[in-house]
Amino acid sequence: MKVDFKNFEIELKDDASYRIKSAGNPIYKYEYSNGEIIKNLAFTINKRAIIVRDFERKQEISSAILCENGGKAELTQDCFKLAEDELWICVGDKIYCLAIPGLEVSWFRNVDFGTIHSINFFGGDLIIHCNIGLVRIGKDGEVIWKFSEGNGVFIPGEGRLRIFEKHIELIDGNDKQYIVDEFGKTLPRKSSDA
């Protein structure tokens, strides 16, 4: 998948055949795991690559591969966001904030025990939709609140997460609906939903 951002073309792809520290790999400027440059061999399930190119000349400026464990989620438009000079991207159960264009790690967080499904903007922050529910994170990486209710597992899907200006509507794997306010508190469902 390729996205134009400012003066850059950003390519994002899953590179399942990548082997950490193997001579037969494509060459990425950075290999990251757990938010740090990889120093030793490691086994990871998820391998998500980012390549930044100059928009006009298509010349590569930087590249990185994020090697993480956690649940497997397909690379979609929902698993990354671009703004200012930063890329927020999820891989497995983790989220990275990478500087554009160099792809240095600005911050890194492990926010779930399984899989992150999407990253969304909400009130100047980020809402992370994951197996446990929702996590609101400031653009600086600080966790503001977490929402997880009952025994529900929160899965992705059409209409299962809807974000409004002051609240979020979320449906769990048991089809129970939650309305969460901007502070991470559950609001009563509207009477028409009952």
C-alpha atoms as a PDB file:
ATOM      1  CA  MET A   1       0.000   0.000   0.000  1.00  0.00           C
ATOM      2  CA  LYS A   2       1.342   3.441  -0.933  1.00  0.00           C
ATOM      3  CA  VAL A   3       0.257   6.752   0.581  1.00  0.00           C
ATOM      4  CA  ASP A   4       1.251  10.289  -0.398  1.00  0.00           C
ATOM      5  CA  PHE A   5       2.091  12.505   2.581  1.00  0.00           C
ATOM      6  CA  LYS A   6       3.535  15.995   2.220  1.00  0.00           C
ATOM      7  CA  ASN A   7       6.581  15.610  -0.094  1.00  0.00           C
ATOM      8  CA  PHE A   8       6.845  11.879   0.485  1.00  0.00           C
ATOM      9  CA  GLU A   9       5.534   8.608  -0.822  1.00  0.00           C
ATOM     10  CA  ILE A  10       5.164   6.165   2.052  1.00  0.00           C
ATOM     11  CA  GLU A  11       4.955   2.468   1.277  1.00  0.00           C
ATOM     12  CA  LEU A  12       3.613   0.114   3.944  1.00  0.00           C
ATOM     13  CA  LYS A  13       3.661  -3.651   3.582  1.00  0.00           C
ATOM     14  CA  ASP A  14       3.759  -6.851   5.574  1.00  0.00           C
ATOM     15  CA  ASP A  15       6.956  -8.784   4.881  1.00  0.00           C
ATOM     16  CA  ALA A  16       6.166 -12.265   6.236  1.00  0.00           C
ATOM     17  CA  SER A  17       9.269 -13.840   4.666  1.00  0.00           C
ATOM     18  CA  TYR A  18      11.639 -11.436   6.459  1.00  0.00           C
ATOM     19  CA  ARG A  19      14.076 -13.146   8.847  1.00  0.00           C
ATOM     20  CA  ILE A  20      15.812 -10.995  11.427  1.00  0.00           C
ATOM     21  CA  LYS A  21      19.570 -10.676  10.778  1.00  0.00           C
ATOM     22  CA  SER A  22      19.411 -12.991   7.745  1.00  0.00           C
ATOM     23  CA  ALA A  23      21.667 -12.290   4.753  1.00  0.00           C
ATOM     24  CA  GLY A  24      18.870 -13.068   2.259  1.00  0.00           C
ATOM     25  CA  ASN A  25      16.603 -10.222   3.409  1.00  0.00           C
ATOM     26  CA  PRO A  26      15.725  -6.978   1.705  1.00  0.00           C
ATOM     27  CA  ILE A  27      17.802  -4.272   3.392  1.00  0.00           C
ATOM     28  CA  TYR A  28      15.951  -1.908   5.716  1.00  0.00           C
ATOM     29  CA  LYS A  29      17.804   0.938   7.405  1.00  0.00           C
ATOM     30  CA  TYR A  30      16.234   0.028  10.766  1.00  0.00           C
ATOM     31  CA  GLU A  31      15.086  -3.286  12.270  1.00  0.00           C
ATOM     32  CA  TYR A  32      12.926  -2.592  15.344  1.00  0.00           C
ATOM     33  CA  SER A  33      11.417  -4.840  17.996  1.00  0.00           C
ATOM     34  CA  ASN A  34       9.940  -3.683  21.310  1.00  0.00           C
ATOM     35  CA  GLY A  35      10.690  -0.120  20.270  1.00  0.00           C
ATOM     36  CA  GLU A  36      14.435  -0.641  19.954  1.00  0.00           C
ATOM     37  CA  ILE A  37      16.951  -1.525  17.276  1.00  0.00           C
ATOM     38  CA  ILE A  38      17.297  -5.309  17.113  1.00  0.00           C
ATOM     39  CA  LYS A  39      20.723  -6.475  18.234  1.00  0.00           C
ATOM     40  CA  ASN A  40      20.261 -10.270  18.295  1.00  0.00           C
ATOM     41  CA  LEU A  41      18.363 -12.931  16.445  1.00  0.00           C
ATOM     42  CA  ALA A  42      14.717 -13.138  17.473  1.00  0.00           C
ATOM     43  CA  PHE A  43      11.569 -14.905  16.335  1.00  0.00           C
ATOM     44  CA  THR A  44       8.579 -12.684  15.673  1.00  0.00           C
ATOM     45  CA  ILE A  45       5.223 -13.297  14.024  1.00  0.00           C
ATOM     46  CA  ASN A  46       4.453  -9.852  12.619  1.00  0.00           C
ATOM     47  CA  LYS A  47       6.809  -8.015  10.291  1.00  0.00           C
ATOM     48  CA  ARG A  48       5.562  -4.680   8.986  1.00  0.00           C
ATOM     49  CA  ALA A  49       7.801  -2.632   6.690  1.00  0.00           C
ATOM     50  CA  ILE A  50       7.761   1.093   5.955  1.00  0.00           C
ATOM     51  CA  ILE A  51       9.671   2.762   3.126  1.00  0.00           C
ATOM     52  CA  VAL A  52       9.774   6.557   2.723  1.00  0.00           C
ATOM     53  CA  ARG A  53      10.649   7.976  -0.691  1.00  0.00           C
ATOM     54  CA  ASP A  54      11.016  11.477  -2.074  1.00  0.00           C
ATOM     55  CA  PHE A  55       7.691  12.080  -3.853  1.00  0.00           C
ATOM     56  CA  GLU A  56       9.073  13.533  -7.067  1.00  0.00           C
ATOM     57  CA  ARG A  57      12.256  11.514  -7.588  1.00  0.00           C
ATOM     58  CA  LYS A  58      10.961   8.304  -5.933  1.00  0.00           C
ATOM     59  CA  GLN A  59      14.371   8.037  -4.262  1.00  0.00           C
ATOM     60  CA  GLU A  60      14.384   6.151  -0.950  1.00  0.00           C
ATOM     61  CA  ILE A  61      15.006   8.357   2.084  1.00  0.00           C
ATOM     62  CA  SER A  62      14.613   5.787   4.856  1.00  0.00           C
ATOM     63  CA  SER A  63      13.158   2.369   5.625  1.00  0.00           C
ATOM     64  CA  ALA A  64      12.291   0.303   8.675  1.00  0.00           C
ATOM     65  CA  ILE A  65      10.791  -3.034   9.576  1.00  0.00           C
ATOM     66  CA  LEU A  66       8.799  -3.531  12.784  1.00  0.00           C
ATOM     67  CA  CYS A  67       9.153  -7.093  14.090  1.00  0.00           C
ATOM     68  CA  GLU A  68       6.667  -7.935  16.832  1.00  0.00           C
ATOM     69  CA  ASN A  69       4.612 -10.736  18.319  1.00  0.00           C
ATOM     70  CA  GLY A  70       0.981 -10.528  19.385  1.00  0.00           C
ATOM     71  CA  GLY A  71      -2.039 -11.266  17.275  1.00  0.00           C
ATOM     72  CA  LYS A  72      -1.902 -11.067  13.519  1.00  0.00           C
ATOM     73  CA  ALA A  73      -3.864  -8.260  11.893  1.00  0.00           C
ATOM     74  CA  GLU A  74      -4.044  -7.463   8.228  1.00  0.00           C
ATOM     75  CA  LEU A  75      -2.445  -4.249   6.991  1.00  0.00           C
ATOM     76  CA  THR A  76      -5.314  -1.871   6.222  1.00  0.00           C
ATOM     77  CA  GLN A  77      -5.937   1.883   6.056  1.00  0.00           C
ATOM     78  CA  ASP A  78      -7.161   1.625   9.679  1.00  0.00           C
ATOM     79  CA  CYS A  79      -3.882   0.438  11.226  1.00  0.00           C
ATOM     80  CA  PHE A  80      -1.926   3.637  10.688  1.00  0.00           C
ATOM     81  CA  LYS A  81      -2.357   7.404  10.820  1.00  0.00           C
ATOM     82  CA  LEU A  82      -0.201  10.234   9.486  1.00  0.00           C
ATOM     83  CA  ALA A  83      -0.174  13.808  10.792  1.00  0.00           C
ATOM     84  CA  GLU A  84       2.317  16.561  11.419  1.00  0.00           C
ATOM     85  CA  ASP A  85       5.658  14.784  10.838  1.00  0.00           C
ATOM     86  CA  GLU A  86       4.719  11.468  12.419  1.00  0.00           C
ATOM     87  CA  LEU A  87       3.419   8.041  11.502  1.00  0.00           C
ATOM     88  CA  TRP A  88       1.473   6.066  14.108  1.00  0.00           C
ATOM     89  CA  ILE A  89       1.298   2.415  13.139  1.00  0.00           C
ATOM     90  CA  CYS A  90       0.153  -0.744  14.871  1.00  0.00           C
ATOM     91  CA  VAL A  91       1.747  -4.145  14.502  1.00  0.00           C
ATOM     92  CA  GLY A  92       0.525  -7.115  16.552  1.00  0.00           C
ATOM     93  CA  ASP A  93      -0.206  -5.836  20.042  1.00  0.00           C
ATOM     94  CA  LYS A  94       2.009  -2.751  19.828  1.00  0.00           C
ATOM     95  CA  ILE A  95       1.917   0.789  18.468  1.00  0.00           C
ATOM     96  CA  TYR A  96       4.868   2.778  17.179  1.00  0.00           C
ATOM     97  CA  CYS A  97       5.201   6.494  16.572  1.00  0.00           C
ATOM     98  CA  LEU A  98       7.859   7.038  13.903  1.00  0.00           C
ATOM     99  CA  ALA A  99       9.302  10.362  12.757  1.00  0.00           C
ATOM    100  CA  ILE A 100       8.777  11.191   9.084  1.00  0.00           C
ATOM    101  CA  PRO A 101      10.907  11.054   6.961  1.00  0.00           C
ATOM    102  CA  GLY A 102      13.729   9.361   8.928  1.00  0.00           C
ATOM    103  CA  LEU A 103      11.625   6.630  10.648  1.00  0.00           C
ATOM    104  CA  GLU A 104      13.341   6.999  14.011  1.00  0.00           C
ATOM    105  CA  VAL A 105      11.198   5.801  16.951  1.00  0.00           C
ATOM    106  CA  SER A 106       9.592   8.753  18.758  1.00  0.00           C
ATOM    107  CA  TRP A 107       7.787   6.410  21.162  1.00  0.00           C
ATOM    108  CA  PHE A 108       6.484   2.876  21.455  1.00  0.00           C
ATOM    109  CA  ARG A 109       3.729   1.224  23.536  1.00  0.00           C
ATOM    110  CA  ASN A 110       2.442  -2.283  24.145  1.00  0.00           C
ATOM    111  CA  VAL A 111      -1.292  -1.633  24.548  1.00  0.00           C
ATOM    112  CA  ASP A 112      -2.996  -5.028  24.302  1.00  0.00           C
ATOM    113  CA  PHE A 113      -2.470  -8.697  25.080  1.00  0.00           C
ATOM    114  CA  GLY A 114      -3.581  -9.765  21.614  1.00  0.00           C
ATOM    115  CA  THR A 115      -4.216  -7.599  18.594  1.00  0.00           C
ATOM    116  CA  ILE A 116      -4.647  -3.930  17.748  1.00  0.00           C
ATOM    117  CA  HIS A 117      -7.345  -3.505  15.117  1.00  0.00           C
ATOM    118  CA  SER A 118      -7.236   0.221  14.342  1.00  0.00           C
ATOM    119  CA  ILE A 119      -5.894   3.659  15.190  1.00  0.00           C
ATOM    120  CA  ASN A 120      -8.272   6.622  15.078  1.00  0.00           C
ATOM    121  CA  PHE A 121      -8.076  10.330  15.859  1.00  0.00           C
ATOM    122  CA  PHE A 122     -10.303  11.493  18.727  1.00  0.00           C
ATOM    123  CA  GLY A 123     -10.242  14.894  20.425  1.00  0.00           C
ATOM    124  CA  GLY A 124      -6.621  15.594  19.487  1.00  0.00           C
ATOM    125  CA  ASP A 125      -5.507  12.168  20.715  1.00  0.00           C
ATOM    126  CA  LEU A 126      -5.459   8.621  19.393  1.00  0.00           C
ATOM    127  CA  ILE A 127      -8.055   5.931  20.082  1.00  0.00           C
ATOM    128  CA  ILE A 128      -6.655   2.441  19.763  1.00  0.00           C
ATOM    129  CA  HIS A 129      -9.263  -0.277  19.096  1.00  0.00           C
ATOM    130  CA  CYS A 130      -7.911  -3.604  20.316  1.00  0.00           C
ATOM    131  CA  ASN A 131      -8.976  -6.953  21.767  1.00  0.00           C
ATOM    132  CA  ILE A 132      -9.319  -5.512  25.280  1.00  0.00           C
ATOM    133  CA  GLY A 133     -11.479  -2.601  24.106  1.00  0.00           C
ATOM    134  CA  LEU A 134     -10.214   0.950  23.720  1.00  0.00           C
ATOM    135  CA  VAL A 135      -7.089   2.799  24.764  1.00  0.00           C
ATOM    136  CA  ARG A 136      -6.854   6.582  24.501  1.00  0.00           C
ATOM    137  CA  ILE A 137      -3.270   7.724  23.982  1.00  0.00           C
ATOM    138  CA  GLY A 138      -1.956  11.257  23.630  1.00  0.00           C
ATOM    139  CA  LYS A 139       0.111  11.976  20.545  1.00  0.00           C
ATOM    140  CA  ASP A 140       3.089  12.001  22.930  1.00  0.00           C
ATOM    141  CA  GLY A 141       2.477   8.312  23.747  1.00  0.00           C
ATOM    142  CA  GLU A 142       1.051   8.754  27.238  1.00  0.00           C
ATOM    143  CA  VAL A 143      -1.936   6.543  28.051  1.00  0.00           C
ATOM    144  CA  ILE A 144      -4.884   8.721  29.078  1.00  0.00           C
ATOM    145  CA  TRP A 145      -7.407   5.949  29.773  1.00  0.00           C
ATOM    146  CA  LYS A 146      -8.331   2.362  28.966  1.00  0.00           C
ATOM    147  CA  PHE A 147     -11.828   1.019  28.459  1.00  0.00           C
ATOM    148  CA  SER A 148     -12.544  -2.675  28.871  1.00  0.00           C
ATOM    149  CA  GLU A 149     -15.857  -3.961  30.096  1.00  0.00           C
ATOM    150  CA  GLY A 150     -17.168  -7.364  31.099  1.00  0.00           C
ATOM    151  CA  ASN A 151     -15.835 -10.514  29.511  1.00  0.00           C
ATOM    152  CA  GLY A 152     -16.228  -9.193  25.995  1.00  0.00           C
ATOM    153  CA  VAL A 153     -13.513  -9.452  23.411  1.00  0.00           C
ATOM    154  CA  PHE A 154     -13.627  -6.583  20.966  1.00  0.00           C
ATOM    155  CA  ILE A 155     -13.263  -7.598  17.346  1.00  0.00           C
ATOM    156  CA  PRO A 156     -12.984  -5.548  14.166  1.00  0.00           C
ATOM    157  CA  GLY A 157     -15.744  -5.335  11.610  1.00  0.00           C
ATOM    158  CA  GLU A 158     -18.063  -3.012   9.767  1.00  0.00           C
ATOM    159  CA  GLY A 159     -19.988  -0.827  12.221  1.00  0.00           C
ATOM    160  CA  ARG A 160     -18.365  -2.322  15.363  1.00  0.00           C
ATOM    161  CA  LEU A 161     -16.550   0.953  16.131  1.00  0.00           C
ATOM    162  CA  ARG A 162     -17.995   4.397  15.441  1.00  0.00           C
ATOM    163  CA  ILE A 163     -16.294   7.560  16.576  1.00  0.00           C
ATOM    164  CA  PHE A 164     -18.178  10.806  17.158  1.00  0.00           C
ATOM    165  CA  GLU A 165     -17.001  14.183  18.435  1.00  0.00           C
ATOM    166  CA  LYS A 166     -17.667  13.512  22.146  1.00  0.00           C
ATOM    167  CA  HIS A 167     -18.265   9.757  22.374  1.00  0.00           C
ATOM    168  CA  ILE A 168     -17.464   6.378  20.867  1.00  0.00           C
ATOM    169  CA  GLU A 169     -19.845   3.514  20.134  1.00  0.00           C
ATOM    170  CA  LEU A 170     -18.337   0.045  20.377  1.00  0.00           C
ATOM    171  CA  ILE A 171     -19.757  -3.473  19.951  1.00  0.00           C
ATOM    172  CA  ASP A 172     -18.053  -6.498  21.518  1.00  0.00           C
ATOM    173  CA  GLY A 173     -17.828 -10.080  20.211  1.00  0.00           C
ATOM    174  CA  ASN A 174     -21.096 -10.937  21.995  1.00  0.00           C
ATOM    175  CA  ASP A 175     -22.848  -8.091  20.118  1.00  0.00           C
ATOM    176  CA  LYS A 176     -23.224  -6.005  23.271  1.00  0.00           C
ATOM    177  CA  GLN A 177     -23.086  -2.279  22.551  1.00  0.00           C
ATOM    178  CA  TYR A 178     -21.182   0.262  24.661  1.00  0.00           C
ATOM    179  CA  ILE A 179     -21.198   4.030  24.489  1.00  0.00           C
ATOM    180  CA  VAL A 180     -17.981   5.487  25.900  1.00  0.00           C
ATOM    181  CA  ASP A 181     -17.528   9.176  26.662  1.00  0.00           C
ATOM    182  CA  GLU A 182     -14.381  11.250  26.096  1.00  0.00           C
ATOM    183  CA  PHE A 183     -13.157  10.314  29.595  1.00  0.00           C
ATOM    184  CA  GLY A 184     -13.414   6.544  29.077  1.00  0.00           C
ATOM    185  CA  LYS A 185     -16.635   6.174  31.090  1.00  0.00           C
ATOM    186  CA  THR A 186     -19.637   4.152  29.946  1.00  0.00           C
ATOM    187  CA  LEU A 187     -22.729   6.172  29.077  1.00  0.00           C
ATOM    188  CA  PRO A 188     -26.244   4.723  29.213  1.00  0.00           C
ATOM    189  CA  ARG A 189     -27.510   3.420  25.894  1.00  0.00           C
ATOM    190  CA  LYS A 190     -30.123   5.500  24.172  1.00  0.00           C
ATOM    191  CA  SER A 191     -33.687   4.343  24.849  1.00  0.00           C
ATOM    192  CA  SER A 192     -34.153   3.543  21.132  1.00  0.00           C
ATOM    193  CA  ASP A 193     -31.295   0.994  21.445  1.00  0.00           C
ATOM    194  CA  ALA A 194     -33.009  -0.975  24.214  1.00  0.00           C
END
